[in-house]
Protein backbone atom coordinates (compact mmCIF):
# COMPACT_ATOMS: atom_id res chain seq x y z
CA UNK A 1 -30.02 21.41 -68.99
CA UNK A 2 -33.01 20.01 -70.83
CA UNK A 3 -32.51 16.94 -72.96
CA UNK A 4 -33.38 18.02 -76.51
CA UNK A 5 -34.41 15.85 -79.45
CA UNK A 6 -33.77 17.58 -82.78
CA UNK A 7 -35.46 16.06 -85.82
CA UNK A 8 -34.45 17.32 -89.27
CA UNK A 9 -30.79 18.04 -90.09
CA UNK A 10 -31.02 19.84 -93.42
CA UNK A 11 -29.20 23.02 -94.39
CA UNK A 12 -30.85 24.91 -91.51
CA UNK A 13 -31.44 22.16 -88.98
CA UNK A 14 -27.83 20.99 -88.68
CA UNK A 15 -26.33 24.35 -87.67
CA UNK A 16 -29.26 25.02 -85.33
CA UNK A 17 -28.75 21.66 -83.62
CA UNK A 18 -25.05 22.42 -83.33
CA UNK A 19 -25.84 25.66 -81.49
CA UNK A 20 -27.88 23.75 -78.89
CA UNK A 21 -25.13 21.17 -78.46
CA UNK A 22 -22.53 23.90 -77.99
CA UNK A 23 -24.78 25.49 -75.34
CA UNK A 24 -24.49 22.31 -73.28
CA UNK A 25 -27.81 20.60 -73.91
CA UNK A 26 -27.78 16.81 -74.09
CA UNK A 27 -28.85 16.30 -77.70
CA UNK A 28 -30.37 13.40 -79.57
CA UNK A 29 -30.72 13.85 -83.33
CA UNK A 30 -32.58 12.12 -86.11
CA UNK A 31 -32.66 12.67 -89.84
CA UNK A 32 -34.32 10.70 -92.63
CA UNK A 33 -30.90 10.48 -94.32
CA UNK A 34 -29.01 9.03 -91.37
CA UNK A 35 -25.48 9.96 -92.47
CA UNK A 36 -26.28 13.67 -92.04
CA UNK A 37 -26.18 13.07 -88.28
CA UNK A 38 -22.53 11.94 -88.34
CA UNK A 39 -20.86 15.38 -87.87
CA UNK A 40 -23.06 16.14 -84.84
CA UNK A 41 -22.43 12.70 -83.37
CA UNK A 42 -18.69 13.40 -83.68
CA UNK A 43 -19.28 16.55 -81.60
CA UNK A 44 -21.20 14.75 -78.85
CA UNK A 45 -24.78 14.26 -80.01
CA UNK A 46 -26.50 10.88 -79.96
CA UNK A 47 -28.04 9.58 -83.18
CA UNK A 48 -31.45 7.92 -82.91
CA UNK A 49 -32.50 5.11 -85.21
CA UNK A 50 -36.06 6.42 -85.50
CA UNK A 51 -38.09 9.53 -84.66
CA UNK A 52 -39.74 7.67 -81.76
CA UNK A 53 -36.36 6.70 -80.30
CA UNK A 54 -35.24 10.32 -80.58
CA UNK A 55 -38.08 11.76 -78.50
CA UNK A 56 -38.57 8.99 -75.92
CA UNK A 57 -36.49 10.61 -73.20
CA UNK A 58 -36.58 14.22 -74.41
CA UNK A 59 -37.74 17.21 -72.39
CA UNK A 60 -37.87 19.37 -75.52
CA UNK A 61 -38.57 18.17 -79.06
CA UNK A 62 -37.64 20.41 -82.00
CA UNK A 63 -38.79 19.60 -85.51
CA UNK A 64 -37.20 21.36 -88.50
CA UNK A 65 -38.66 19.58 -91.52
CA UNK A 66 -39.17 20.26 -95.21
CA UNK A 67 -42.93 20.69 -95.30
CA UNK A 68 -46.38 19.63 -94.07
CA UNK A 69 -46.11 16.07 -95.41
CA UNK A 70 -42.79 15.46 -93.66
CA UNK A 71 -44.14 16.93 -90.43
CA UNK A 72 -47.26 14.74 -90.60
CA UNK A 73 -45.14 11.63 -91.14
CA UNK A 74 -42.87 12.42 -88.21
CA UNK A 75 -45.87 13.27 -86.02
CA UNK A 76 -47.32 9.84 -86.62
CA UNK A 77 -44.00 8.23 -85.81
CA UNK A 78 -43.34 10.06 -82.53
CA UNK A 79 -46.86 10.27 -81.08
CA UNK A 80 -46.66 6.96 -79.17
CA UNK A 81 -43.34 7.97 -77.61
CA UNK A 82 -44.08 11.54 -76.48
CA UNK A 83 -44.11 11.84 -72.69
CA UNK A 84 -46.55 14.11 -70.81
CA UNK A 85 -44.70 17.31 -69.93
CA UNK A 86 -42.74 17.39 -73.20
CA UNK A 87 -42.37 20.76 -74.92
CA UNK A 88 -42.60 20.50 -78.71
CA UNK A 89 -41.23 23.35 -80.83
CA UNK A 90 -41.98 23.10 -84.53
CA UNK A 91 -39.62 25.36 -86.48
CA UNK A 92 -40.60 24.12 -89.95
CA UNK A 93 -42.38 26.30 -92.51
CA UNK A 94 -45.63 24.41 -92.86
CA UNK A 95 -48.47 26.93 -92.46
CA UNK A 96 -50.76 27.43 -89.45
CA UNK A 97 -53.17 24.55 -90.07
CA UNK A 98 -50.40 21.94 -89.97
CA UNK A 99 -49.13 23.44 -86.71
CA UNK A 100 -52.54 23.48 -85.05
CA UNK A 101 -52.94 19.78 -85.79
CA UNK A 102 -49.99 19.13 -83.45
CA UNK A 103 -51.94 20.46 -80.47
CA UNK A 104 -53.75 17.19 -79.81
CA UNK A 105 -51.46 15.27 -77.49
CA UNK A 106 -52.41 15.23 -73.82
CA UNK A 107 -49.81 16.88 -71.64
CA UNK A 108 -47.59 18.05 -74.51
CA UNK A 109 -47.18 21.82 -74.98
CA UNK A 110 -46.68 22.99 -78.56
CA UNK A 111 -45.01 26.17 -79.85
CA UNK A 112 -44.61 27.10 -83.49
CA UNK A 113 -41.37 28.96 -84.10
CA UNK A 114 -40.38 29.21 -87.77
CA UNK A 115 -37.27 31.23 -88.47
CA UNK A 116 -36.20 34.13 -90.65
CA UNK A 117 -32.69 34.00 -92.01
CA UNK A 118 -30.48 31.60 -93.92
CA UNK A 119 -27.68 29.19 -93.08
CA UNK A 120 -25.22 31.91 -92.05
CA UNK A 121 -27.56 33.22 -89.37
CA UNK A 122 -28.42 29.69 -88.26
CA UNK A 123 -24.73 29.03 -87.64
CA UNK A 124 -24.24 32.34 -85.83
CA UNK A 125 -27.36 32.03 -83.67
CA UNK A 126 -28.82 35.25 -85.04
CA UNK A 127 -32.03 33.99 -86.64
CA UNK A 128 -35.29 35.87 -86.29
CA UNK A 129 -37.75 33.50 -84.58
CA UNK A 130 -41.50 34.03 -85.03
CA UNK A 131 -43.02 32.23 -82.06
CA UNK A 132 -46.70 31.42 -81.61
CA UNK A 133 -48.23 29.84 -78.53
CA UNK A 134 -47.02 29.84 -74.92
CA UNK A 135 -43.29 30.36 -75.32
CA UNK A 136 -42.45 31.04 -71.68
CA UNK A 137 -41.04 27.59 -70.90
CA UNK A 138 -38.93 27.29 -74.06
CA UNK A 139 -37.81 30.82 -74.78
CA UNK A 140 -34.44 30.26 -73.09
CA UNK A 141 -33.85 27.34 -75.49
CA UNK A 142 -34.82 29.42 -78.51
CA UNK A 143 -32.50 32.20 -77.34
CA UNK A 144 -29.53 30.02 -78.35
CA UNK A 145 -30.79 30.21 -81.93
CA UNK A 146 -31.76 33.87 -82.31
CA UNK A 147 -34.12 36.62 -81.27
CA UNK A 148 -37.67 35.62 -80.40
CA UNK A 149 -40.67 37.68 -81.49
CA UNK A 150 -43.92 36.55 -79.87
CA UNK A 151 -46.60 36.60 -82.54
CA UNK A 152 -49.75 35.48 -80.65
CA UNK A 153 -51.58 32.16 -80.29
CA UNK A 154 -50.44 28.82 -81.65
CA UNK A 155 -50.17 28.95 -85.44
CA UNK A 156 -49.58 32.69 -85.62
CA UNK A 157 -45.83 32.27 -86.06
CA UNK A 158 -46.39 29.87 -88.95
CA UNK A 159 -48.90 32.28 -90.48
CA UNK A 160 -46.57 35.27 -90.23
CA UNK A 161 -43.74 33.24 -91.74
CA UNK A 162 -45.88 32.65 -94.85
CA UNK A 163 -46.64 36.37 -95.04
CA UNK A 164 -42.96 37.34 -94.84
CA UNK A 165 -41.71 34.59 -97.13
CA UNK A 166 -44.29 35.30 -99.83
CA UNK A 167 -43.16 38.93 -99.86
CA UNK A 168 -39.43 38.14 -99.86
CA UNK A 169 -39.58 35.32 -102.42
CA UNK A 170 -41.91 37.33 -104.63
CA UNK A 171 -39.63 40.34 -104.31
CA UNK A 172 -36.65 38.32 -105.55
CA UNK A 173 -38.65 37.32 -108.63
CA UNK A 174 -39.56 40.99 -109.20
CA UNK A 175 -35.88 41.96 -109.00
CA UNK A 176 -34.97 39.24 -111.50
CA UNK A 177 -37.63 40.48 -113.92
CA UNK A 178 -36.57 44.09 -113.47
CA UNK A 179 -33.02 43.14 -114.41
CA UNK A 180 -34.39 41.23 -117.38
CA UNK A 181 -36.11 44.45 -118.45
CA UNK A 182 -32.86 46.37 -117.98
CA UNK A 183 -31.10 43.84 -120.22
CA UNK A 184 -33.81 44.17 -122.86
CA UNK A 185 -33.47 47.95 -122.79
CA UNK A 186 -29.71 47.78 -123.24
CA UNK A 187 -28.79 49.09 -119.80
CA UNK A 188 -25.58 48.15 -118.06
CA UNK A 189 -26.45 45.30 -115.68
CA UNK A 190 -24.32 46.51 -112.78
CA UNK A 191 -25.76 50.02 -113.03
CA UNK A 192 -29.29 48.63 -112.96
CA UNK A 193 -28.46 46.37 -110.05
CA UNK A 194 -26.96 49.24 -108.05
CA UNK A 195 -30.03 51.40 -108.68
CA UNK A 196 -32.32 48.61 -107.51
CA UNK A 197 -30.13 48.01 -104.46
CA UNK A 198 -30.68 51.63 -103.45
CA UNK A 199 -34.45 51.34 -103.92
CA UNK A 200 -37.05 49.93 -101.50
CA UNK A 201 -36.25 46.53 -103.06
CA UNK A 202 -32.69 46.64 -101.73
CA UNK A 203 -33.12 43.62 -99.44
CA UNK A 204 -34.49 41.48 -102.27
CA UNK A 205 -31.56 42.54 -104.48
CA UNK A 206 -29.08 41.49 -101.80
CA UNK A 207 -30.74 38.09 -101.40
CA UNK A 208 -30.97 37.54 -105.16
CA UNK A 209 -27.18 37.83 -105.37
CA UNK A 210 -26.25 36.33 -101.98
CA UNK A 211 -23.37 33.86 -101.80
CA UNK A 212 -22.43 31.41 -99.08
CA UNK A 213 -26.01 30.84 -97.91
CA UNK A 214 -28.69 28.37 -98.96
CA UNK A 215 -32.45 28.42 -99.35
CA UNK A 216 -33.55 25.64 -101.66
CA UNK A 217 -35.69 26.76 -104.59
CA UNK A 218 -37.91 23.72 -104.00
CA UNK A 219 -38.70 25.10 -100.53
CA UNK A 220 -39.50 28.49 -102.04
CA UNK A 221 -42.00 26.80 -104.33
CA UNK A 222 -43.50 24.99 -101.33
CA UNK A 223 -43.84 28.22 -99.34
CA UNK A 224 -45.53 30.13 -102.17
CA UNK A 225 -47.88 27.20 -102.77
CA UNK A 226 -48.89 27.24 -99.09
CA UNK A 227 -49.54 30.99 -99.30
CA UNK A 228 -51.69 30.73 -102.41
CA UNK A 229 -53.76 27.98 -100.80
CA UNK A 230 -54.64 30.37 -97.97
CA UNK A 231 -55.81 33.37 -100.02
CA UNK A 232 -56.34 34.64 -103.55
CA UNK A 233 -52.94 36.14 -104.42
CA UNK A 234 -52.56 36.81 -108.17
CA UNK A 235 -49.08 38.33 -107.93
CA UNK A 236 -47.83 35.49 -105.73
CA UNK A 237 -49.40 32.99 -108.15
CA UNK A 238 -47.37 34.58 -110.96
CA UNK A 239 -44.17 34.36 -108.90
CA UNK A 240 -44.95 30.74 -108.07
CA UNK A 241 -45.34 29.99 -111.78
CA UNK A 242 -41.93 31.56 -112.45
CA UNK A 243 -40.22 29.52 -109.74
CA UNK A 244 -41.84 26.28 -110.81
CA UNK A 245 -40.61 26.89 -114.33
CA UNK A 246 -36.98 27.47 -113.36
CA UNK A 247 -36.66 25.45 -110.16
CA UNK A 248 -33.61 23.23 -109.81
CA UNK A 249 -34.00 21.32 -106.53
CA UNK A 250 -30.89 21.50 -104.42
CA UNK A 251 -29.92 24.96 -105.66
CA UNK A 252 -30.22 28.26 -103.83
CA UNK A 253 -32.97 30.71 -104.71
CA UNK A 254 -30.32 33.01 -106.22
CA UNK A 255 -29.90 30.43 -108.99
CA UNK A 256 -33.64 30.62 -109.67
CA UNK A 257 -33.41 34.42 -109.79
CA UNK A 258 -30.64 34.22 -112.36
CA UNK A 259 -32.72 31.83 -114.47
CA UNK A 260 -35.83 34.07 -114.26
CA UNK A 261 -33.63 36.89 -115.57
CA UNK A 262 -32.27 34.94 -118.52
CA UNK A 263 -34.66 32.08 -119.40
CA UNK A 264 -37.37 32.66 -121.96
CA UNK A 265 -40.90 31.45 -121.24
């Protein structure tokens, strides 16, 4: 079994790392906030003191970080310690340009594999994985985490993740505004919600009211900002403005949806 280094133990990273540990992979973990590694260490993982220490003996490196800046910082830290022959899977949502910048280390193969799904699917190993680059040598590792869809060359997974996330996050804002309109028109809220749930926006309705999962509103803002940097997207810009106005870091996107519905501009 390959020795895996997993860097980034946030809401998604921790359950994903736990899946790999349960599958029998020797696992070294690192997180900027070191205490987040403690539950995994109790289950058999080894905590590294630094990103470089984490990857030094790894066959596979997985990064699951908050954004491009975090990925760039970790890249600088691990670059001297990466061994030729290492497979690096970046599963962060950072956009294609940030991923392509990883493909500069001699002898290191890079795959971008951002995921679709929230913490419940991460724990169950049922994520949708959008994988760009040559996945052949790491697909069996990714299979512990979910279903792999090959998207094309390196960076294409990261690009498709922005496309999907901009639609989903924007759709949640649209649902919140539609319910705000229903409230303004004096409609029963549950009746309006049920009608929207039975419309083409049904998935966005379900996510706007989801419980027991977590996608930080701050990450939603980051994802929409990355999308609007890549193309002129007036509707997405409007959604981004909404989320920036109501964002409460540390809260799920459903909280932002509720605030879009009820908070005046």
